C-alpha atoms as a PDB file:
ATOM      1  CA  MET A   1       0.008  -0.006   0.021  1.00  0.00           C
ATOM      2  CA  THR A   2       1.303   3.461  -0.945  1.00  0.00           C
ATOM      3  CA  THR A   3       2.261   5.657   1.982  1.00  0.00           C
ATOM      4  CA  ARG A   4       0.483   9.004   1.861  1.00  0.00           C
ATOM      5  CA  LEU A   5       1.478  12.399   3.202  1.00  0.00           C
ATOM      6  CA  SER A   6      -1.249  12.131   5.843  1.00  0.00           C
ATOM      7  CA  ASP A   7       0.301   8.819   7.084  1.00  0.00           C
ATOM      8  CA  VAL A   8       3.617  10.612   7.685  1.00  0.00           C
ATOM      9  CA  ALA A   9       1.843  13.463   9.440  1.00  0.00           C
ATOM     10  CA  ALA A  10      -0.053  11.065  11.716  1.00  0.00           C
ATOM     11  CA  ARG A  11       3.067   9.164  12.701  1.00  0.00           C
ATOM     12  CA  ALA A  12       5.069  12.370  13.359  1.00  0.00           C
ATOM     13  CA  GLY A  13       2.172  14.015  15.207  1.00  0.00           C
ATOM     14  CA  VAL A  14       2.179  17.086  13.016  1.00  0.00           C
ATOM     15  CA  SER A  15      -0.014  18.576  10.282  1.00  0.00           C
ATOM     16  CA  VAL A  16       0.157  17.579   6.634  1.00  0.00           C
ATOM     17  CA  LYS A  17       1.273  21.167   5.837  1.00  0.00           C
ATOM     18  CA  THR A  18       4.233  20.742   8.207  1.00  0.00           C
ATOM     19  CA  VAL A  19       5.294  17.501   6.506  1.00  0.00           C
ATOM     20  CA  SER A  20       5.055  19.266   3.127  1.00  0.00           C
ATOM     21  CA  ASN A  21       7.185  22.150   4.399  1.00  0.00           C
ATOM     22  CA  VAL A  22       9.889  19.721   5.613  1.00  0.00           C
ATOM     23  CA  ILE A  23       9.888  17.822   2.296  1.00  0.00           C
ATOM     24  CA  ASN A  24      10.261  21.099   0.387  1.00  0.00           C
ATOM     25  CA  ASP A  25      12.963  22.300   2.725  1.00  0.00           C
ATOM     26  CA  TYR A  26      11.066  25.445   3.808  1.00  0.00           C
ATOM     27  CA  PRO A  27      12.718  27.576   6.471  1.00  0.00           C
ATOM     28  CA  HIS A  28      11.262  28.297   9.924  1.00  0.00           C
ATOM     29  CA  ILE A  29      10.859  24.598  10.817  1.00  0.00           C
ATOM     30  CA  THR A  30      12.410  23.741  14.172  1.00  0.00           C
ATOM     31  CA  SER A  31      15.114  21.121  14.255  1.00  0.00           C
ATOM     32  CA  GLN A  32      13.037  18.988  16.616  1.00  0.00           C
ATOM     33  CA  THR A  33      10.014  19.036  14.250  1.00  0.00           C
ATOM     34  CA  ARG A  34      12.164  18.388  11.211  1.00  0.00           C
ATOM     35  CA  ALA A  35      13.788  15.415  12.956  1.00  0.00           C
ATOM     36  CA  LYS A  36      10.356  13.910  13.868  1.00  0.00           C
ATOM     37  CA  VAL A  37       9.096  14.250  10.283  1.00  0.00           C
ATOM     38  CA  GLU A  38      12.296  12.829   8.744  1.00  0.00           C
ATOM     39  CA  ALA A  39      12.115   9.875  11.175  1.00  0.00           C
ATOM     40  CA  ALA A  40       8.507   9.205  10.132  1.00  0.00           C
ATOM     41  CA  ILE A  41       9.419   9.453   6.448  1.00  0.00           C
ATOM     42  CA  ALA A  42      12.234   6.945   6.925  1.00  0.00           C
ATOM     43  CA  ALA A  43      10.102   4.568   9.018  1.00  0.00           C
ATOM     44  CA  LEU A  44       7.234   4.545   6.477  1.00  0.00           C
ATOM     45  CA  ASP A  45       9.572   4.636   3.438  1.00  0.00           C
ATOM     46  CA  TYR A  46       7.588   7.588   2.119  1.00  0.00           C
ATOM     47  CA  ARG A  47       8.522   8.749  -1.361  1.00  0.00           C
ATOM     48  CA  PRO A  48       7.195  12.097  -2.639  1.00  0.00           C
ATOM     49  CA  ASN A  49       5.152  12.097  -5.851  1.00  0.00           C
ATOM     50  CA  VAL A  50       7.555  13.886  -8.230  1.00  0.00           C
ATOM     51  CA  SER A  51       4.915  14.601 -10.860  1.00  0.00           C
ATOM     52  CA  ALA A  52       2.584  16.196  -8.326  1.00  0.00           C
ATOM     53  CA  ARG A  53       5.374  18.311  -6.896  1.00  0.00           C
ATOM     54  CA  SER A  54       6.363  19.390 -10.401  1.00  0.00           C
ATOM     55  CA  LEU A  55       2.817  20.534 -11.133  1.00  0.00           C
ATOM     56  CA  ARG A  56       2.642  22.527  -7.900  1.00  0.00           C
ATOM     57  CA  LYS A  57       6.062  24.185  -8.354  1.00  0.00           C
ATOM     58  CA  GLY A  58       5.940  24.612 -12.102  1.00  0.00           C
ATOM     59  CA  ARG A  59       9.295  22.825 -12.423  1.00  0.00           C
ATOM     60  CA  SER A  60      10.693  19.387 -11.769  1.00  0.00           C
ATOM     61  CA  ASP A  61      14.221  20.277 -10.435  1.00  0.00           C
ATOM     62  CA  PHE A  62      15.628  17.822 -13.047  1.00  0.00           C
ATOM     63  CA  ILE A  63      17.946  18.889 -15.867  1.00  0.00           C
ATOM     64  CA  ALA A  64      19.366  16.756 -18.650  1.00  0.00           C
ATOM     65  CA  LEU A  65      22.976  16.466 -19.705  1.00  0.00           C
ATOM     66  CA  ALA A  66      23.257  15.167 -23.274  1.00  0.00           C
ATOM     67  CA  ILE A  67      26.789  14.070 -24.168  1.00  0.00           C
ATOM     68  CA  PRO A  68      28.293  11.962 -27.002  1.00  0.00           C
ATOM     69  CA  GLU A  69      29.564   9.070 -24.854  1.00  0.00           C
ATOM     70  CA  MET A  70      29.659   8.196 -21.208  1.00  0.00           C
ATOM     71  CA  ALA A  71      32.695   5.923 -21.606  1.00  0.00           C
ATOM     72  CA  SER A  72      34.910   8.857 -22.549  1.00  0.00           C
ATOM     73  CA  PRO A  73      36.987   9.888 -19.490  1.00  0.00           C
ATOM     74  CA  TYR A  74      36.564  13.555 -20.340  1.00  0.00           C
ATOM     75  CA  PHE A  75      32.818  13.399 -20.495  1.00  0.00           C
ATOM     76  CA  ALA A  76      32.699  11.144 -17.441  1.00  0.00           C
ATOM     77  CA  GLU A  77      34.702  13.683 -15.446  1.00  0.00           C
ATOM     78  CA  LEU A  78      32.681  16.581 -16.812  1.00  0.00           C
ATOM     79  CA  GLY A  79      29.421  14.788 -16.092  1.00  0.00           C
ATOM     80  CA  ALA A  80      30.521  14.201 -12.490  1.00  0.00           C
ATOM     81  CA  ALA A  81      31.440  17.875 -12.084  1.00  0.00           C
ATOM     82  CA  ILE A  82      28.047  19.020 -13.495  1.00  0.00           C
ATOM     83  CA  SER A  83      26.172  16.591 -11.219  1.00  0.00           C
ATOM     84  CA  ARG A  84      28.092  17.954  -8.208  1.00  0.00           C
ATOM     85  CA  ALA A  85      27.343  21.537  -9.208  1.00  0.00           C
ATOM     86  CA  ALA A  86      23.646  20.724  -9.724  1.00  0.00           C
ATOM     87  CA  LYS A  87      23.376  18.825  -6.464  1.00  0.00           C
ATOM     88  CA  LYS A  88      24.572  21.858  -4.507  1.00  0.00           C
ATOM     89  CA  ARG A  89      21.680  23.801  -5.984  1.00  0.00           C
ATOM     90  CA  GLY A  90      19.105  21.110  -5.249  1.00  0.00           C
ATOM     91  CA  ILE A  91      18.960  19.916  -8.855  1.00  0.00           C
ATOM     92  CA  THR A  92      19.196  16.329 -10.180  1.00  0.00           C
ATOM     93  CA  VAL A  93      20.975  15.598 -13.471  1.00  0.00           C
ATOM     94  CA  LEU A  94      19.711  12.967 -15.926  1.00  0.00           C
ATOM     95  CA  ILE A  95      22.428  11.903 -18.359  1.00  0.00           C
ATOM     96  CA  ASP A  96      21.598  10.988 -21.947  1.00  0.00           C
ATOM     97  CA  GLN A  97      24.153   9.459 -24.334  1.00  0.00           C
ATOM     98  CA  THR A  98      23.686  10.564 -27.956  1.00  0.00           C
ATOM     99  CA  GLU A  99      26.674   8.649 -29.398  1.00  0.00           C
ATOM    100  CA  GLY A 100      27.002  11.570 -31.788  1.00  0.00           C
ATOM    101  CA  GLU A 101      24.045  10.250 -33.813  1.00  0.00           C
ATOM    102  CA  SER A 102      22.058  12.856 -35.737  1.00  0.00           C
ATOM    103  CA  ALA A 103      18.693  11.405 -34.723  1.00  0.00           C
ATOM    104  CA  ALA A 104      19.616  11.376 -31.046  1.00  0.00           C
ATOM    105  CA  GLU A 105      20.913  14.940 -31.245  1.00  0.00           C
ATOM    106  CA  LYS A 106      17.700  16.026 -32.989  1.00  0.00           C
ATOM    107  CA  LEU A 107      15.721  14.483 -30.158  1.00  0.00           C
ATOM    108  CA  VAL A 108      17.670  16.672 -27.730  1.00  0.00           C
ATOM    109  CA  LEU A 109      16.973  19.784 -29.740  1.00  0.00           C
ATOM    110  CA  ASP A 110      13.296  18.899 -29.947  1.00  0.00           C
ATOM    111  CA  GLY A 111      13.032  19.007 -26.159  1.00  0.00           C
ATOM    112  CA  MET A 112      13.775  15.533 -24.900  1.00  0.00           C
ATOM    113  CA  ARG A 113      11.678  14.304 -21.926  1.00  0.00           C
ATOM    114  CA  GLY A 114       9.732  17.491 -22.027  1.00  0.00           C
ATOM    115  CA  GLN A 115       7.529  16.791 -19.019  1.00  0.00           C
ATOM    116  CA  LEU A 116      10.338  15.511 -16.816  1.00  0.00           C
ATOM    117  CA  ILE A 117      13.084  18.097 -17.193  1.00  0.00           C
ATOM    118  CA  ASP A 118      13.414  21.861 -16.825  1.00  0.00           C
ATOM    119  CA  GLY A 119      16.370  22.367 -19.162  1.00  0.00           C
ATOM    120  CA  ILE A 120      19.182  20.757 -21.094  1.00  0.00           C
ATOM    121  CA  ILE A 121      23.016  21.045 -21.194  1.00  0.00           C
ATOM    122  CA  PHE A 122      24.016  19.684 -24.589  1.00  0.00           C
ATOM    123  CA  SER A 123      27.332  18.810 -26.196  1.00  0.00           C
ATOM    124  CA  PRO A 124      26.582  18.260 -29.897  1.00  0.00           C
ATOM    125  CA  ILE A 125      28.916  16.483 -32.324  1.00  0.00           C
ATOM    126  CA  THR A 126      27.185  15.987 -35.660  1.00  0.00           C
ATOM    127  CA  THR A 127      24.484  18.670 -35.776  1.00  0.00           C
ATOM    128  CA  ALA A 128      25.431  21.695 -37.842  1.00  0.00           C
ATOM    129  CA  PRO A 129      25.389  25.123 -36.107  1.00  0.00           C
ATOM    130  CA  THR A 130      22.647  26.336 -38.484  1.00  0.00           C
ATOM    131  CA  LYS A 131      20.365  23.485 -37.409  1.00  0.00           C
ATOM    132  CA  ILE A 132      21.086  24.186 -33.771  1.00  0.00           C
ATOM    133  CA  ASP A 133      20.299  27.865 -34.274  1.00  0.00           C
ATOM    134  CA  SER A 134      16.949  27.039 -35.870  1.00  0.00           C
ATOM    135  CA  ALA A 135      15.900  24.482 -33.274  1.00  0.00           C
ATOM    136  CA  GLY A 136      12.571  25.108 -31.659  1.00  0.00           C
ATOM    137  CA  THR A 137      13.074  23.404 -28.296  1.00  0.00           C
ATOM    138  CA  ALA A 138      10.613  24.548 -25.669  1.00  0.00           C
ATOM    139  CA  LYS A 139      13.105  23.950 -22.892  1.00  0.00           C
ATOM    140  CA  PRO A 140      16.080  26.204 -21.962  1.00  0.00           C
ATOM    141  CA  LEU A 141      19.148  24.858 -23.715  1.00  0.00           C
ATOM    142  CA  LEU A 142      22.831  25.500 -23.036  1.00  0.00           C
ATOM    143  CA  LEU A 143      25.568  24.351 -25.430  1.00  0.00           C
ATOM    144  CA  LEU A 144      29.060  22.963 -24.683  1.00  0.00           C
ATOM    145  CA  GLY A 145      31.926  22.334 -27.032  1.00  0.00           C
ATOM    146  CA  GLU A 146      32.932  23.577 -30.422  1.00  0.00           C
ATOM    147  CA  ARG A 147      29.549  24.002 -32.086  1.00  0.00           C
ATOM    148  CA  PRO A 148      27.945  27.253 -30.868  1.00  0.00           C
ATOM    149  CA  ALA A 149      24.894  28.369 -32.733  1.00  0.00           C
ATOM    150  CA  ALA A 150      24.894  31.776 -34.403  1.00  0.00           C
ATOM    151  CA  GLY A 151      22.978  33.487 -31.658  1.00  0.00           C
ATOM    152  CA  THR A 152      20.137  31.558 -30.095  1.00  0.00           C
ATOM    153  CA  PHE A 153      21.545  29.596 -27.106  1.00  0.00           C
ATOM    154  CA  ASP A 154      24.046  30.219 -24.307  1.00  0.00           C
ATOM    155  CA  HIS A 155      27.439  28.576 -24.892  1.00  0.00           C
ATOM    156  CA  VAL A 156      30.223  27.514 -22.506  1.00  0.00           C
ATOM    157  CA  ALA A 157      33.523  26.218 -23.872  1.00  0.00           C
ATOM    158  CA  VAL A 158      37.303  26.500 -23.883  1.00  0.00           C
ATOM    159  CA  ASP A 159      38.849  28.791 -26.476  1.00  0.00           C
ATOM    160  CA  SER A 160      40.244  25.862 -28.397  1.00  0.00           C
ATOM    161  CA  VAL A 161      42.008  28.010 -30.962  1.00  0.00           C
ATOM    162  CA  LYS A 162      44.006  29.773 -28.294  1.00  0.00           C
ATOM    163  CA  ALA A 163      44.614  26.675 -26.261  1.00  0.00           C
ATOM    164  CA  SER A 164      45.851  24.770 -29.288  1.00  0.00           C
ATOM    165  CA  PHE A 165      48.121  27.722 -30.178  1.00  0.00           C
ATOM    166  CA  ASP A 166      49.548  27.530 -26.675  1.00  0.00           C
ATOM    167  CA  ALA A 167      50.088  23.762 -26.845  1.00  0.00           C
ATOM    168  CA  THR A 168      51.859  23.958 -30.192  1.00  0.00           C
ATOM    169  CA  THR A 169      53.915  26.972 -29.090  1.00  0.00           C
ATOM    170  CA  HIS A 170      55.107  24.942 -26.070  1.00  0.00           C
ATOM    171  CA  LEU A 171      56.427  22.271 -28.376  1.00  0.00           C
ATOM    172  CA  ILE A 172      58.176  24.928 -30.533  1.00  0.00           C
ATOM    173  CA  SER A 173      59.679  26.428 -27.347  1.00  0.00           C
ATOM    174  CA  ILE A 174      61.438  23.113 -26.514  1.00  0.00           C
ATOM    175  CA  GLY A 175      63.103  23.072 -29.904  1.00  0.00           C
ATOM    176  CA  ARG A 176      60.720  20.914 -31.959  1.00  0.00           C
ATOM    177  CA  ARG A 177      60.356  21.735 -35.631  1.00  0.00           C
ATOM    178  CA  ARG A 178      58.463  18.855 -37.250  1.00  0.00           C
ATOM    179  CA  ILE A 179      55.302  18.979 -35.212  1.00  0.00           C
ATOM    180  CA  ALA A 180      52.442  16.655 -36.224  1.00  0.00           C
ATOM    181  CA  ALA A 181      48.768  16.999 -35.338  1.00  0.00           C
ATOM    182  CA  ILE A 182      46.449  14.023 -34.666  1.00  0.00           C
ATOM    183  CA  GLY A 183      42.682  14.509 -34.752  1.00  0.00           C
ATOM    184  CA  VAL A 184      42.262  17.175 -37.394  1.00  0.00           C
ATOM    185  CA  GLY A 185      38.914  17.456 -39.150  1.00  0.00           C
ATOM    186  CA  GLY A 186      36.705  19.660 -41.319  1.00  0.00           C
ATOM    187  CA  GLY A 187      33.571  21.635 -40.607  1.00  0.00           C
ATOM    188  CA  ALA A 188      33.132  23.467 -37.310  1.00  0.00           C
ATOM    189  CA  GLY A 189      33.972  20.652 -34.949  1.00  0.00           C
ATOM    190  CA  THR A 190      36.809  19.997 -32.518  1.00  0.00           C
ATOM    191  CA  GLY A 191      39.304  18.863 -35.135  1.00  0.00           C
ATOM    192  CA  ALA A 192      38.851  21.973 -37.333  1.00  0.00           C
ATOM    193  CA  VAL A 193      39.002  24.436 -34.478  1.00  0.00           C
ATOM    194  CA  ARG A 194      42.076  22.931 -32.819  1.00  0.00           C
ATOM    195  CA  ARG A 195      43.848  22.619 -36.169  1.00  0.00           C
ATOM    196  CA  LYS A 196      43.324  26.364 -36.622  1.00  0.00           C
ATOM    197  CA  GLY A 197      45.270  27.085 -33.410  1.00  0.00           C
ATOM    198  CA  TYR A 198      47.964  24.552 -34.339  1.00  0.00           C
ATOM    199  CA  ARG A 199      48.516  26.121 -37.752  1.00  0.00           C
ATOM    200  CA  LYS A 200      48.543  29.669 -36.305  1.00  0.00           C
ATOM    201  CA  ALA A 201      51.381  28.674 -33.953  1.00  0.00           C
ATOM    202  CA  LEU A 202      53.419  27.173 -36.790  1.00  0.00           C
ATOM    203  CA  LYS A 203      52.926  30.309 -38.864  1.00  0.00           C
ATOM    204  CA  ALA A 204      53.841  32.587 -35.915  1.00  0.00           C
ATOM    205  CA  ALA A 205      57.110  30.639 -35.510  1.00  0.00           C
ATOM    206  CA  GLY A 206      57.873  30.754 -39.244  1.00  0.00           C
ATOM    207  CA  LEU A 207      57.573  26.949 -39.524  1.00  0.00           C
ATOM    208  CA  PRO A 208      56.214  25.389 -42.722  1.00  0.00           C
ATOM    209  CA  HIS A 209      52.861  23.716 -42.827  1.00  0.00           C
ATOM    210  CA  ASP A 210      53.243  20.069 -43.965  1.00  0.00           C
ATOM    211  CA  PRO A 211      49.891  18.329 -44.821  1.00  0.00           C
ATOM    212  CA  ALA A 212      51.583  14.973 -44.298  1.00  0.00           C
ATOM    213  CA  LEU A 213      51.872  15.754 -40.616  1.00  0.00           C
ATOM    214  CA  GLU A 214      48.123  16.356 -40.158  1.00  0.00           C
ATOM    215  CA  LEU A 215      46.136  13.199 -39.575  1.00  0.00           C
ATOM    216  CA  ALA A 216      42.404  12.950 -39.107  1.00  0.00           C
ATOM    217  CA  GLY A 217      42.005   9.343 -38.089  1.00  0.00           C
ATOM    218  CA  THR A 218      38.570   7.754 -37.647  1.00  0.00           C
ATOM    219  CA  GLY A 219      37.792   8.813 -34.085  1.00  0.00           C
ATOM    220  CA  TYR A 220      39.119  10.223 -30.839  1.00  0.00           C
ATOM    221  CA  HIS A 221      40.024   7.095 -28.887  1.00  0.00           C
ATOM    222  CA  ARG A 222      43.305   5.368 -27.964  1.00  0.00           C
ATOM    223  CA  PRO A 223      43.324   2.981 -30.992  1.00  0.00           C
ATOM    224  CA  ASP A 224      42.909   6.020 -33.299  1.00  0.00           C
ATOM    225  CA  GLY A 225      45.891   7.777 -31.738  1.00  0.00           C
ATOM    226  CA  ALA A 226      47.960   4.606 -31.912  1.00  0.00           C
ATOM    227  CA  ALA A 227      47.126   4.033 -35.597  1.00  0.00           C
ATOM    228  CA  SER A 228      47.842   7.670 -36.515  1.00  0.00           C
ATOM    229  CA  MET A 229      51.159   7.549 -34.705  1.00  0.00           C
ATOM    230  CA  ARG A 230      52.199   4.393 -36.675  1.00  0.00           C
ATOM    231  CA  GLU A 231      51.361   6.268 -39.899  1.00  0.00           C
ATOM    232  CA  LEU A 232      53.473   9.217 -38.823  1.00  0.00           C
ATOM    233  CA  LEU A 233      56.465   7.006 -37.899  1.00  0.00           C
ATOM    234  CA  ALA A 234      56.279   5.443 -41.369  1.00  0.00           C
ATOM    235  CA  LEU A 235      56.974   8.832 -43.030  1.00  0.00           C
ATOM    236  CA  PRO A 236      60.400   9.314 -44.658  1.00  0.00           C
ATOM    237  CA  GLU A 237      60.977  12.132 -42.139  1.00  0.00           C
ATOM    238  CA  PRO A 238      58.914  11.360 -38.972  1.00  0.00           C
ATOM    239  CA  PRO A 239      57.882  14.129 -36.598  1.00  0.00           C
ATOM    240  CA  ASP A 240      59.870  15.125 -33.497  1.00  0.00           C
ATOM    241  CA  ALA A 241      56.658  16.200 -31.688  1.00  0.00           C
ATOM    242  CA  VAL A 242      52.936  15.482 -31.801  1.00  0.00           C
ATOM    243  CA  PHE A 243      49.990  17.591 -30.644  1.00  0.00           C
ATOM    244  CA  CYS A 244      47.026  15.251 -30.115  1.00  0.00           C
ATOM    245  CA  PHE A 245      43.584  16.943 -30.035  1.00  0.00           C
ATOM    246  CA  ASN A 246      42.553  14.980 -26.996  1.00  0.00           C
ATOM    247  CA  ASP A 247      44.241  12.930 -24.282  1.00  0.00           C
ATOM    248  CA  LEU A 248      42.946   9.548 -25.456  1.00  0.00           C
ATOM    249  CA  LEU A 249      44.630  10.101 -28.853  1.00  0.00           C
ATOM    250  CA  ALA A 250      47.802  11.060 -26.983  1.00  0.00           C
ATOM    251  CA  LEU A 251      47.729   7.948 -24.819  1.00  0.00           C
ATOM    252  CA  GLY A 252      47.339   5.802 -27.954  1.00  0.00           C
ATOM    253  CA  ALA A 253      50.280   7.651 -29.608  1.00  0.00           C
ATOM    254  CA  LEU A 254      52.429   7.117 -26.475  1.00  0.00           C
ATOM    255  CA  ARG A 255      51.762   3.354 -26.734  1.00  0.00           C
ATOM    256  CA  THR A 256      52.896   3.221 -30.357  1.00  0.00           C
ATOM    257  CA  LEU A 257      56.051   5.176 -29.534  1.00  0.00           C
ATOM    258  CA  ALA A 258      56.850   2.776 -26.650  1.00  0.00           C
ATOM    259  CA  ASP A 259      56.298  -0.230 -28.920  1.00  0.00           C
ATOM    260  CA  ALA A 260      58.650   1.297 -31.500  1.00  0.00           C
ATOM    261  CA  GLY A 261      61.330   1.663 -28.844  1.00  0.00           C
ATOM    262  CA  LEU A 262      61.357   5.438 -29.016  1.00  0.00           C
ATOM    263  CA  SER A 263      61.962   7.694 -26.039  1.00  0.00           C
ATOM    264  CA  VAL A 264      59.460  10.312 -24.991  1.00  0.00           C
ATOM    265  CA  PRO A 265      60.221  13.171 -25.014  1.00  0.00           C
ATOM    266  CA  ASP A 266      63.792  12.689 -26.293  1.00  0.00           C
ATOM    267  CA  ASP A 267      62.816  11.255 -29.671  1.00  0.00           C
ATOM    268  CA  VAL A 268      59.213  12.551 -29.859  1.00  0.00           C
ATOM    269  CA  ALA A 269      57.468  14.957 -27.496  1.00  0.00           C
ATOM    270  CA  VAL A 270      53.694  14.565 -26.996  1.00  0.00           C
ATOM    271  CA  VAL A 271      51.002  17.033 -25.891  1.00  0.00           C
ATOM    272  CA  GLY A 272      47.325  16.185 -25.324  1.00  0.00           C
ATOM    273  CA  PHE A 273      44.147  18.113 -24.571  1.00  0.00           C
ATOM    274  CA  ASP A 274      41.597  17.673 -21.705  1.00  0.00           C
ATOM    275  CA  ASP A 275      43.674  16.672 -18.720  1.00  0.00           C
ATOM    276  CA  ILE A 276      41.942  13.378 -17.936  1.00  0.00           C
ATOM    277  CA  GLU A 277      43.100  11.471 -14.870  1.00  0.00           C
ATOM    278  CA  ASP A 278      44.654   8.657 -16.937  1.00  0.00           C
ATOM    279  CA  GLY A 279      47.171  11.099 -18.473  1.00  0.00           C
ATOM    280  CA  ARG A 280      48.353  12.295 -15.078  1.00  0.00           C
ATOM    281  CA  PHE A 281      49.212   8.723 -14.008  1.00  0.00           C
ATOM    282  CA  HIS A 282      50.591   7.437 -17.265  1.00  0.00           C
ATOM    283  CA  SER A 283      54.328   6.847 -17.614  1.00  0.00           C
ATOM    284  CA  PRO A 284      55.498   9.213 -18.920  1.00  0.00           C
ATOM    285  CA  SER A 285      52.847  11.559 -17.505  1.00  0.00           C
ATOM    286  CA  LEU A 286      51.131  13.583 -20.194  1.00  0.00           C
ATOM    287  CA  THR A 287      51.624  17.286 -20.895  1.00  0.00           C
ATOM    288  CA  THR A 288      48.146  18.600 -21.737  1.00  0.00           C
ATOM    289  CA  ILE A 289      45.715  21.495 -21.950  1.00  0.00           C
ATOM    290  CA  SER A 290      43.712  21.418 -18.697  1.00  0.00           C
ATOM    291  CA  PRO A 291      40.296  23.060 -18.876  1.00  0.00           C
ATOM    292  CA  ASP A 292      38.885  24.078 -15.498  1.00  0.00           C
ATOM    293  CA  LYS A 293      36.026  21.484 -15.445  1.00  0.00           C
ATOM    294  CA  GLU A 294      34.680  22.598 -12.125  1.00  0.00           C
ATOM    295  CA  TRP A 295      34.442  26.212 -13.334  1.00  0.00           C
ATOM    296  CA  LEU A 296      32.733  24.995 -16.487  1.00  0.00           C
ATOM    297  CA  ALA A 297      30.216  22.900 -14.497  1.00  0.00           C
ATOM    298  CA  GLU A 298      29.387  25.633 -11.979  1.00  0.00           C
ATOM    299  CA  ASN A 299      28.883  28.328 -14.645  1.00  0.00           C
ATOM    300  CA  ALA A 300      26.961  26.058 -17.079  1.00  0.00           C
ATOM    301  CA  VAL A 301      24.480  25.029 -14.337  1.00  0.00           C
ATOM    302  CA  ASP A 302      24.056  28.545 -13.045  1.00  0.00           C
ATOM    303  CA  LEU A 303      23.502  29.938 -16.535  1.00  0.00           C
ATOM    304  CA  LEU A 304      20.907  27.236 -17.345  1.00  0.00           C
ATOM    305  CA  LEU A 305      19.106  27.795 -14.040  1.00  0.00           C
ATOM    306  CA  GLU A 306      18.878  31.464 -14.765  1.00  0.00           C
ATOM    307  CA  ARG A 307      17.068  30.664 -18.016  1.00  0.00           C
ATOM    308  CA  ILE A 308      14.810  28.162 -16.203  1.00  0.00           C
ATOM    309  CA  SER A 309      13.944  30.730 -13.594  1.00  0.00           C
ATOM    310  CA  GLY A 310      12.572  33.113 -16.207  1.00  0.00           C
ATOM    311  CA  ASN A 311      15.480  35.046 -17.649  1.00  0.00           C
ATOM    312  CA  ALA A 312      14.622  33.750 -21.082  1.00  0.00           C
ATOM    313  CA  GLU A 313      14.723  37.085 -22.936  1.00  0.00           C
ATOM    314  CA  ALA A 314      18.268  38.106 -21.915  1.00  0.00           C
ATOM    315  CA  ALA A 315      20.896  38.213 -24.649  1.00  0.00           C
ATOM    316  CA  ARG A 316      22.778  35.029 -25.470  1.00  0.00           C
ATOM    317  CA  ARG A 317      25.929  34.577 -23.428  1.00  0.00           C
ATOM    318  CA  ASP A 318      29.188  32.950 -24.507  1.00  0.00           C
ATOM    319  CA  LEU A 319      31.516  32.022 -21.653  1.00  0.00           C
ATOM    320  CA  SER A 320      35.169  31.067 -22.129  1.00  0.00           C
ATOM    321  CA  VAL A 321      36.415  28.333 -19.784  1.00  0.00           C
ATOM    322  CA  PRO A 322      39.768  29.055 -18.092  1.00  0.00           C
ATOM    323  CA  TYR A 323      42.538  26.565 -18.847  1.00  0.00           C
ATOM    324  CA  THR A 324      46.206  25.924 -18.075  1.00  0.00           C
ATOM    325  CA  LEU A 325      48.962  24.138 -19.935  1.00  0.00           C
ATOM    326  CA  GLU A 326      50.092  21.354 -17.576  1.00  0.00           C
ATOM    327  CA  ILE A 327      53.709  20.565 -18.417  1.00  0.00           C
ATOM    328  CA  ARG A 328      54.615  17.003 -17.487  1.00  0.00           C
ATOM    329  CA  GLU A 329      57.083  14.240 -18.503  1.00  0.00           C
ATOM    330  CA  SER A 330      55.899  13.783 -22.121  1.00  0.00           C
ATOM    331  CA  THR A 331      57.566  17.132 -23.000  1.00  0.00           C
ATOM    332  CA  ALA A 332      59.708  17.941 -19.953  1.00  0.00           C
ATOM    333  CA  GLY A 333      61.420  14.622 -19.467  1.00  0.00           C
END
């Protein structure tokens, strides 16, 4: 039999209104009364009706986080940071994995789980910026990553052009001259944006741009980085440094270099992007661009909650996430 609010009130010896006030964390409840109500809730295993509460409040206190893949260490760490930030604000995060599929991303833009969630934090991969800009989602939407729309939705991301410029400039500063890039791509995605920063750094240093040193690969995982590194080592003149556009690519490249009997960084220096935990504990530890994930999470959640609370007409905001270049053994020895 379902436990009702009145059952909790009877057991605690208080009014139904008092039980409701405790559940909704209203102020001005004495600690003694709160303790009695919480004890009754625990004893009766009472569970509030989320749908009814949502109707009364006009919101559910649930937000969605739509990311390409949960198995990715970067998105796992980011998801955990966003969940922590939301929890501090009394919000629950529901995570949806799109796998970068167009249909799944379209579902997000159409207002996924409309009755259950108040807003969406979305990291798109395949959807073009023009389609994002024209989306008619009824829920507040905040974008992460390299695909900001032209002017419709708030956007929080690292300045990947500048960060990639800094990563490549670091390799140049330690005397490297044949610097390869793994993870390049076309369009407006991560590969294209980070390649722009890489090329700017080469140009600023007066180094030639060699198309043979730019590899796209088929993905952004360890095997892709390993395969690209093998291809680079097979060149008549292999690189003396590699900038990988994420840490998983870099870890794959490091494995290939170890298998080939090459020393890192003496023979080939390696830089990644994302600062995932695996890179910090790899041997050699990985030099990488480290976005402030906690800052990103706190600001993304706050910005979305502002929209949910009624600030829907304010101008679109574009926040740049702070980052650092973490110099470790893969370039410093």
